[in-house]
Amino acid sequence: MSRSAVKGILKMIDGLSESDRELLEQQLYRRVEAEWQREAEEARRQAKARGIDQAVIDEAVRKHRHGS
């Protein structure tokens, strides 16, 4: 997307009413949340395939914090 397109979109957003801007923010939040959920699920799937579970993660964090 070009800079001019982005500027145009931002100008359009600036022209929205407060209620329309709130609706836009809600919809963007839903998109971001859905993407995060998909990525988190993929990370969990990959971790499981590698034999990494919460206990392994907790131990790695403990070692990192305590320099062991």
N, C-alpha and C. Protein backbone atom coordinates (compact mmCIF):
# COMPACT_ATOMS: atom_id res chain seq x y z
N MET A 1 0.85 -1.17 0.00
CA MET A 1 0.00 0.00 0.00
C MET A 1 0.90 1.23 0.00
N SER A 2 0.56 2.19 -0.78
CA SER A 2 1.38 3.39 -0.90
C SER A 2 1.13 4.35 0.26
N ARG A 3 2.09 5.25 0.42
CA ARG A 3 1.94 6.27 1.46
C ARG A 3 0.70 7.12 1.24
N SER A 4 0.43 7.45 -0.01
CA SER A 4 -0.72 8.30 -0.29
C SER A 4 -2.02 7.58 0.05
N ALA A 5 -2.06 6.27 -0.18
CA ALA A 5 -3.26 5.50 0.18
C ALA A 5 -3.45 5.49 1.69
N VAL A 6 -2.35 5.30 2.41
CA VAL A 6 -2.43 5.30 3.88
C VAL A 6 -2.88 6.66 4.38
N LYS A 7 -2.32 7.72 3.83
CA LYS A 7 -2.72 9.07 4.23
C LYS A 7 -4.20 9.30 3.95
N GLY A 8 -4.67 8.81 2.80
CA GLY A 8 -6.08 8.94 2.46
C GLY A 8 -6.98 8.22 3.46
N ILE A 9 -6.56 7.02 3.84
CA ILE A 9 -7.33 6.25 4.82
C ILE A 9 -7.37 6.98 6.16
N LEU A 10 -6.22 7.48 6.58
CA LEU A 10 -6.17 8.20 7.85
C LEU A 10 -7.04 9.46 7.81
N LYS A 11 -7.05 10.13 6.68
CA LYS A 11 -7.90 11.32 6.54
C LYS A 11 -9.38 10.92 6.64
N MET A 12 -9.73 9.80 6.01
CA MET A 12 -11.11 9.32 6.10
C MET A 12 -11.47 8.99 7.55
N ILE A 13 -10.54 8.34 8.26
CA ILE A 13 -10.79 8.01 9.66
C ILE A 13 -11.00 9.28 10.48
N ASP A 14 -10.18 10.29 10.22
CA ASP A 14 -10.33 11.56 10.94
C ASP A 14 -11.70 12.18 10.70
N GLY A 15 -12.30 11.90 9.56
CA GLY A 15 -13.59 12.47 9.23
C GLY A 15 -14.78 11.70 9.78
N LEU A 16 -14.53 10.56 10.40
CA LEU A 16 -15.63 9.76 10.95
C LEU A 16 -16.23 10.39 12.19
N SER A 17 -17.50 10.11 12.38
CA SER A 17 -18.13 10.54 13.64
C SER A 17 -17.55 9.70 14.77
N GLU A 18 -17.78 10.12 15.98
CA GLU A 18 -17.27 9.39 17.14
C GLU A 18 -17.83 7.96 17.18
N SER A 19 -19.10 7.81 16.89
CA SER A 19 -19.69 6.46 16.92
C SER A 19 -19.15 5.58 15.80
N ASP A 20 -18.94 6.15 14.62
CA ASP A 20 -18.36 5.37 13.52
C ASP A 20 -16.91 4.99 13.83
N ARG A 21 -16.17 5.90 14.43
CA ARG A 21 -14.79 5.61 14.79
C ARG A 21 -14.73 4.51 15.86
N GLU A 22 -15.67 4.56 16.79
CA GLU A 22 -15.73 3.51 17.82
C GLU A 22 -16.04 2.16 17.18
N LEU A 23 -16.96 2.13 16.23
CA LEU A 23 -17.28 0.90 15.53
C LEU A 23 -16.06 0.37 14.77
N LEU A 24 -15.35 1.26 14.09
CA LEU A 24 -14.13 0.88 13.38
C LEU A 24 -13.12 0.28 14.35
N GLU A 25 -12.91 0.92 15.49
CA GLU A 25 -11.95 0.43 16.47
C GLU A 25 -12.35 -0.96 16.98
N GLN A 26 -13.63 -1.17 17.20
CA GLN A 26 -14.11 -2.48 17.65
C GLN A 26 -13.83 -3.55 16.60
N GLN A 27 -14.10 -3.23 15.35
CA GLN A 27 -13.88 -4.21 14.28
C GLN A 27 -12.39 -4.50 14.09
N LEU A 28 -11.57 -3.47 14.18
CA LEU A 28 -10.12 -3.68 14.08
C LEU A 28 -9.62 -4.52 15.25
N TYR A 29 -10.15 -4.26 16.45
CA TYR A 29 -9.77 -5.05 17.62
C TYR A 29 -10.14 -6.51 17.41
N ARG A 30 -11.33 -6.77 16.89
CA ARG A 30 -11.74 -8.16 16.64
C ARG A 30 -10.80 -8.85 15.66
N ARG A 31 -10.38 -8.13 14.63
CA ARG A 31 -9.44 -8.70 13.65
C ARG A 31 -8.11 -9.04 14.30
N VAL A 32 -7.59 -8.09 15.07
CA VAL A 32 -6.31 -8.30 15.74
C VAL A 32 -6.40 -9.46 16.72
N GLU A 33 -7.48 -9.51 17.48
CA GLU A 33 -7.68 -10.59 18.44
C GLU A 33 -7.77 -11.95 17.74
N ALA A 34 -8.50 -12.01 16.64
CA ALA A 34 -8.63 -13.26 15.89
C ALA A 34 -7.27 -13.70 15.35
N GLU A 35 -6.49 -12.77 14.84
CA GLU A 35 -5.17 -13.09 14.32
C GLU A 35 -4.27 -13.60 15.45
N TRP A 36 -4.33 -12.93 16.60
CA TRP A 36 -3.53 -13.35 17.75
C TRP A 36 -3.91 -14.77 18.16
N GLN A 37 -5.19 -15.06 18.19
CA GLN A 37 -5.66 -16.39 18.57
C GLN A 37 -5.13 -17.45 17.59
N ARG A 38 -5.18 -17.15 16.30
CA ARG A 38 -4.66 -18.09 15.30
C ARG A 38 -3.16 -18.33 15.49
N GLU A 39 -2.42 -17.25 15.71
CA GLU A 39 -0.98 -17.39 15.89
C GLU A 39 -0.65 -18.13 17.18
N ALA A 40 -1.39 -17.87 18.24
CA ALA A 40 -1.16 -18.56 19.51
C ALA A 40 -1.44 -20.05 19.36
N GLU A 41 -2.51 -20.39 18.66
CA GLU A 41 -2.84 -21.80 18.44
C GLU A 41 -1.75 -22.49 17.62
N GLU A 42 -1.23 -21.82 16.62
CA GLU A 42 -0.16 -22.38 15.81
C GLU A 42 1.10 -22.57 16.65
N ALA A 43 1.41 -21.62 17.51
CA ALA A 43 2.58 -21.75 18.39
C ALA A 43 2.40 -22.93 19.35
N ARG A 44 1.19 -23.09 19.88
CA ARG A 44 0.92 -24.23 20.76
C ARG A 44 1.08 -25.55 20.00
N ARG A 45 0.59 -25.59 18.78
CA ARG A 45 0.69 -26.80 17.97
C ARG A 45 2.16 -27.14 17.72
N GLN A 46 2.95 -26.14 17.37
CA GLN A 46 4.37 -26.38 17.12
C GLN A 46 5.09 -26.82 18.39
N ALA A 47 4.76 -26.19 19.51
CA ALA A 47 5.38 -26.56 20.78
C ALA A 47 5.05 -28.01 21.12
N LYS A 48 3.81 -28.38 20.97
CA LYS A 48 3.39 -29.75 21.26
C LYS A 48 4.13 -30.74 20.37
N ALA A 49 4.28 -30.41 19.09
CA ALA A 49 4.99 -31.29 18.16
C ALA A 49 6.45 -31.46 18.55
N ARG A 50 7.01 -30.47 19.23
CA ARG A 50 8.41 -30.52 19.65
C ARG A 50 8.56 -31.06 21.08
N GLY A 51 7.45 -31.41 21.70
CA GLY A 51 7.51 -31.95 23.05
C GLY A 51 7.67 -30.89 24.12
N ILE A 52 7.31 -29.67 23.80
CA ILE A 52 7.43 -28.57 24.76
C ILE A 52 6.07 -28.37 25.41
N ASP A 53 6.04 -28.54 26.75
CA ASP A 53 4.80 -28.30 27.47
C ASP A 53 5.03 -27.20 28.51
N GLN A 54 4.03 -26.91 29.30
CA GLN A 54 4.14 -25.80 30.26
C GLN A 54 5.25 -26.05 31.27
N ALA A 55 5.45 -27.29 31.68
CA ALA A 55 6.52 -27.59 32.64
C ALA A 55 7.89 -27.25 32.06
N VAL A 56 8.10 -27.56 30.80
CA VAL A 56 9.37 -27.24 30.14
C VAL A 56 9.56 -25.73 30.06
N ILE A 57 8.50 -25.02 29.73
CA ILE A 57 8.56 -23.55 29.67
C ILE A 57 8.87 -22.97 31.04
N ASP A 58 8.16 -23.44 32.06
CA ASP A 58 8.37 -22.95 33.43
C ASP A 58 9.82 -23.17 33.88
N GLU A 59 10.38 -24.34 33.57
CA GLU A 59 11.75 -24.64 33.94
C GLU A 59 12.73 -23.72 33.21
N ALA A 60 12.49 -23.47 31.94
CA ALA A 60 13.36 -22.57 31.17
C ALA A 60 13.31 -21.15 31.74
N VAL A 61 12.12 -20.70 32.11
CA VAL A 61 11.98 -19.36 32.70
C VAL A 61 12.71 -19.31 34.04
N ARG A 62 12.54 -20.35 34.88
CA ARG A 62 13.21 -20.38 36.16
C ARG A 62 14.72 -20.33 35.99
N LYS A 63 15.24 -21.12 35.06
CA LYS A 63 16.70 -21.12 34.82
C LYS A 63 17.18 -19.76 34.33
N HIS A 64 16.41 -19.15 33.47
CA HIS A 64 16.80 -17.85 32.94
C HIS A 64 16.82 -16.80 34.06
N ARG A 65 15.81 -16.81 34.90
CA ARG A 65 15.72 -15.83 35.98
C ARG A 65 16.84 -16.00 37.00
N HIS A 66 17.21 -17.24 37.26
CA HIS A 66 18.19 -17.51 38.31
C HIS A 66 19.58 -17.76 37.75
N GLY A 67 19.75 -17.61 36.47
CA GLY A 67 21.05 -17.74 35.85
C GLY A 67 21.64 -19.14 35.90
N SER A 68 20.78 -20.14 35.99
CA SER A 68 21.28 -21.52 36.07
C SER A 68 21.39 -22.15 34.71
